[in-house]
Amino acid sequence: MEGTATPRITCAYLNSYVGKHVIVVGKVVQLRGDEAVVDADGNITAHLNREAHLSPGNGVQIIGKVNPDLSIKVLTALDLGISVDYALANTVVEISHQHRALFAYD
């Protein structure tokens, strides 16, 4: 992975991070073979690896690389279960982008 921090993002920030590693927290909306649709304040298509074991309706934390088509190639995926505070996860994203000097973003 990269030598700098991996920023937390939502769907709205995808186009700013093409080609970079990111962290996304969202809800698994749909599974289609080796792809998942994740709602992270908007739908994101995630291309899963073989180690990803997700369940529809559960929360997920994805670390991956943003593709030019704004999908994410998953490096790791962690199933967070059903008790996820998505509003809190989105607030963390917004605060980290408002106060970039506190984080090691490029």
C-alpha atoms as a PDB file:
ATOM      1  CA  MET A   1       0.000   0.000   0.000  1.00  0.00           C
ATOM      2  CA  GLU A   2       0.968   3.637  -0.111  1.00  0.00           C
ATOM      3  CA  GLY A   3       3.358   5.278   2.353  1.00  0.00           C
ATOM      4  CA  THR A   4       0.786   7.910   3.363  1.00  0.00           C
ATOM      5  CA  ALA A   5      -2.479   7.637   5.258  1.00  0.00           C
ATOM      6  CA  THR A   6      -5.420   5.995   3.573  1.00  0.00           C
ATOM      7  CA  PRO A   7      -8.280   8.514   3.585  1.00  0.00           C
ATOM      8  CA  ARG A   8     -11.819   7.611   4.618  1.00  0.00           C
ATOM      9  CA  ILE A   9     -14.294   8.559   1.902  1.00  0.00           C
ATOM     10  CA  THR A  10     -17.917   8.246   0.860  1.00  0.00           C
ATOM     11  CA  CYS A  11     -19.330   7.988  -2.651  1.00  0.00           C
ATOM     12  CA  ALA A  12     -19.162  11.776  -3.096  1.00  0.00           C
ATOM     13  CA  TYR A  13     -15.338  11.747  -2.845  1.00  0.00           C
ATOM     14  CA  LEU A  14     -14.606   8.904  -5.290  1.00  0.00           C
ATOM     15  CA  ASN A  15     -13.673  11.120  -8.245  1.00  0.00           C
ATOM     16  CA  SER A  16     -11.019  12.886  -6.133  1.00  0.00           C
ATOM     17  CA  TYR A  17      -9.213   9.626  -5.348  1.00  0.00           C
ATOM     18  CA  VAL A  18      -8.969   7.762  -8.662  1.00  0.00           C
ATOM     19  CA  GLY A  19      -5.884   5.536  -8.589  1.00  0.00           C
ATOM     20  CA  LYS A  20      -5.465   5.897  -4.819  1.00  0.00           C
ATOM     21  CA  HIS A  21      -6.143   3.683  -1.826  1.00  0.00           C
ATOM     22  CA  VAL A  22      -9.150   4.590   0.326  1.00  0.00           C
ATOM     23  CA  ILE A  23     -11.262   3.314   3.215  1.00  0.00           C
ATOM     24  CA  VAL A  24     -15.033   3.115   2.802  1.00  0.00           C
ATOM     25  CA  VAL A  25     -17.637   2.184   5.423  1.00  0.00           C
ATOM     26  CA  GLY A  26     -21.096   1.394   4.108  1.00  0.00           C
ATOM     27  CA  LYS A  27     -23.966  -1.066   3.935  1.00  0.00           C
ATOM     28  CA  VAL A  28     -23.925  -4.029   1.553  1.00  0.00           C
ATOM     29  CA  VAL A  29     -26.964  -3.483  -0.662  1.00  0.00           C
ATOM     30  CA  GLN A  30     -26.409  -6.270  -3.175  1.00  0.00           C
ATOM     31  CA  LEU A  31     -24.003  -9.119  -3.969  1.00  0.00           C
ATOM     32  CA  ARG A  32     -23.469 -10.189  -7.595  1.00  0.00           C
ATOM     33  CA  GLY A  33     -20.791 -12.871  -7.940  1.00  0.00           C
ATOM     34  CA  ASP A  34     -17.460 -11.144  -7.327  1.00  0.00           C
ATOM     35  CA  GLU A  35     -19.049  -7.680  -7.039  1.00  0.00           C
ATOM     36  CA  ALA A  36     -20.929  -5.934  -4.263  1.00  0.00           C
ATOM     37  CA  VAL A  37     -22.946  -2.741  -4.272  1.00  0.00           C
ATOM     38  CA  VAL A  38     -22.187  -0.773  -1.113  1.00  0.00           C
ATOM     39  CA  ASP A  39     -24.210   2.222   0.053  1.00  0.00           C
ATOM     40  CA  ALA A  40     -21.729   4.749   1.437  1.00  0.00           C
ATOM     41  CA  ASP A  41     -23.829   7.908   1.151  1.00  0.00           C
ATOM     42  CA  GLY A  42     -24.385   6.755  -2.450  1.00  0.00           C
ATOM     43  CA  ASN A  43     -23.889   3.424  -4.209  1.00  0.00           C
ATOM     44  CA  ILE A  44     -20.372   2.158  -4.941  1.00  0.00           C
ATOM     45  CA  THR A  45     -19.516  -0.970  -6.919  1.00  0.00           C
ATOM     46  CA  ALA A  46     -16.818  -2.989  -5.176  1.00  0.00           C
ATOM     47  CA  HIS A  47     -14.848  -5.682  -7.021  1.00  0.00           C
ATOM     48  CA  LEU A  48     -14.300  -8.283  -4.315  1.00  0.00           C
ATOM     49  CA  ASN A  49     -11.313 -10.534  -3.752  1.00  0.00           C
ATOM     50  CA  ARG A  50     -11.598 -14.214  -2.791  1.00  0.00           C
ATOM     51  CA  GLU A  51     -11.152 -13.454   0.921  1.00  0.00           C
ATOM     52  CA  ALA A  52     -14.191 -11.156   1.093  1.00  0.00           C
ATOM     53  CA  HIS A  53     -17.160 -12.803   2.825  1.00  0.00           C
ATOM     54  CA  LEU A  54     -19.976 -10.261   2.985  1.00  0.00           C
ATOM     55  CA  SER A  55     -23.692 -10.501   3.715  1.00  0.00           C
ATOM     56  CA  PRO A  56     -26.422  -8.290   2.233  1.00  0.00           C
ATOM     57  CA  GLY A  57     -27.720  -5.812   4.808  1.00  0.00           C
ATOM     58  CA  ASN A  58     -24.542  -5.895   6.886  1.00  0.00           C
ATOM     59  CA  GLY A  59     -22.061  -3.096   7.245  1.00  0.00           C
ATOM     60  CA  VAL A  60     -18.650  -3.392   5.645  1.00  0.00           C
ATOM     61  CA  GLN A  61     -15.309  -1.612   5.852  1.00  0.00           C
ATOM     62  CA  ILE A  62     -13.443  -1.754   2.561  1.00  0.00           C
ATOM     63  CA  ILE A  63      -9.843  -0.842   1.916  1.00  0.00           C
ATOM     64  CA  GLY A  64      -9.210  -0.656  -1.791  1.00  0.00           C
ATOM     65  CA  LYS A  65      -8.088   1.272  -4.840  1.00  0.00           C
ATOM     66  CA  VAL A  66     -10.448   3.573  -6.743  1.00  0.00           C
ATOM     67  CA  ASN A  67     -10.714   2.623 -10.430  1.00  0.00           C
ATOM     68  CA  PRO A  68     -11.196   5.159 -13.266  1.00  0.00           C
ATOM     69  CA  ASP A  69     -14.868   4.059 -13.539  1.00  0.00           C
ATOM     70  CA  LEU A  70     -15.275   5.041  -9.835  1.00  0.00           C
ATOM     71  CA  SER A  71     -15.633   1.449  -8.680  1.00  0.00           C
ATOM     72  CA  ILE A  72     -13.264   0.084  -6.024  1.00  0.00           C
ATOM     73  CA  LYS A  73     -10.893  -2.874  -6.332  1.00  0.00           C
ATOM     74  CA  VAL A  74     -11.087  -4.390  -2.858  1.00  0.00           C
ATOM     75  CA  LEU A  75      -7.850  -5.236  -1.089  1.00  0.00           C
ATOM     76  CA  THR A  76      -9.503  -6.101   2.235  1.00  0.00           C
ATOM     77  CA  ALA A  77     -13.130  -6.211   3.327  1.00  0.00           C
ATOM     78  CA  LEU A  78     -14.331  -6.545   6.905  1.00  0.00           C
ATOM     79  CA  ASP A  79     -17.949  -7.498   7.628  1.00  0.00           C
ATOM     80  CA  LEU A  80     -19.134  -5.189  10.436  1.00  0.00           C
ATOM     81  CA  GLY A  81     -22.485  -6.878  11.104  1.00  0.00           C
ATOM     82  CA  ILE A  82     -25.810  -5.084  11.432  1.00  0.00           C
ATOM     83  CA  SER A  83     -25.077  -2.607  14.243  1.00  0.00           C
ATOM     84  CA  VAL A  84     -23.257   0.094  12.299  1.00  0.00           C
ATOM     85  CA  ASP A  85     -23.789   3.815  12.881  1.00  0.00           C
ATOM     86  CA  TYR A  86     -23.553   5.033   9.277  1.00  0.00           C
ATOM     87  CA  ALA A  87     -24.224   8.646  10.288  1.00  0.00           C
ATOM     88  CA  LEU A  88     -21.166   8.510  12.557  1.00  0.00           C
ATOM     89  CA  ALA A  89     -19.047   6.936   9.806  1.00  0.00           C
ATOM     90  CA  ASN A  90     -20.098   9.720   7.397  1.00  0.00           C
ATOM     91  CA  THR A  91     -19.349  12.379  10.029  1.00  0.00           C
ATOM     92  CA  VAL A  92     -15.830  10.991  10.471  1.00  0.00           C
ATOM     93  CA  VAL A  93     -15.334  11.288   6.701  1.00  0.00           C
ATOM     94  CA  GLU A  94     -16.559  14.893   6.643  1.00  0.00           C
ATOM     95  CA  ILE A  95     -14.438  15.950   9.628  1.00  0.00           C
ATOM     96  CA  SER A  96     -11.324  14.311   8.209  1.00  0.00           C
ATOM     97  CA  HIS A  97     -11.786  16.243   4.952  1.00  0.00           C
ATOM     98  CA  GLN A  98     -12.569  19.550   6.696  1.00  0.00           C
ATOM     99  CA  HIS A  99      -9.466  19.276   8.888  1.00  0.00           C
ATOM    100  CA  ARG A 100      -7.002  17.764   6.441  1.00  0.00           C
ATOM    101  CA  ALA A 101      -3.997  19.186   8.326  1.00  0.00           C
ATOM    102  CA  LEU A 102      -4.719  16.766  11.173  1.00  0.00           C
ATOM    103  CA  PHE A 103      -4.459  13.800   8.809  1.00  0.00           C
ATOM    104  CA  ALA A 104      -1.586  12.667   6.579  1.00  0.00           C
ATOM    105  CA  TYR A 105      -3.445  13.127   3.290  1.00  0.00           C
ATOM    106  CA  ASP A 106      -1.645  14.108   0.108  1.00  0.00           C
END
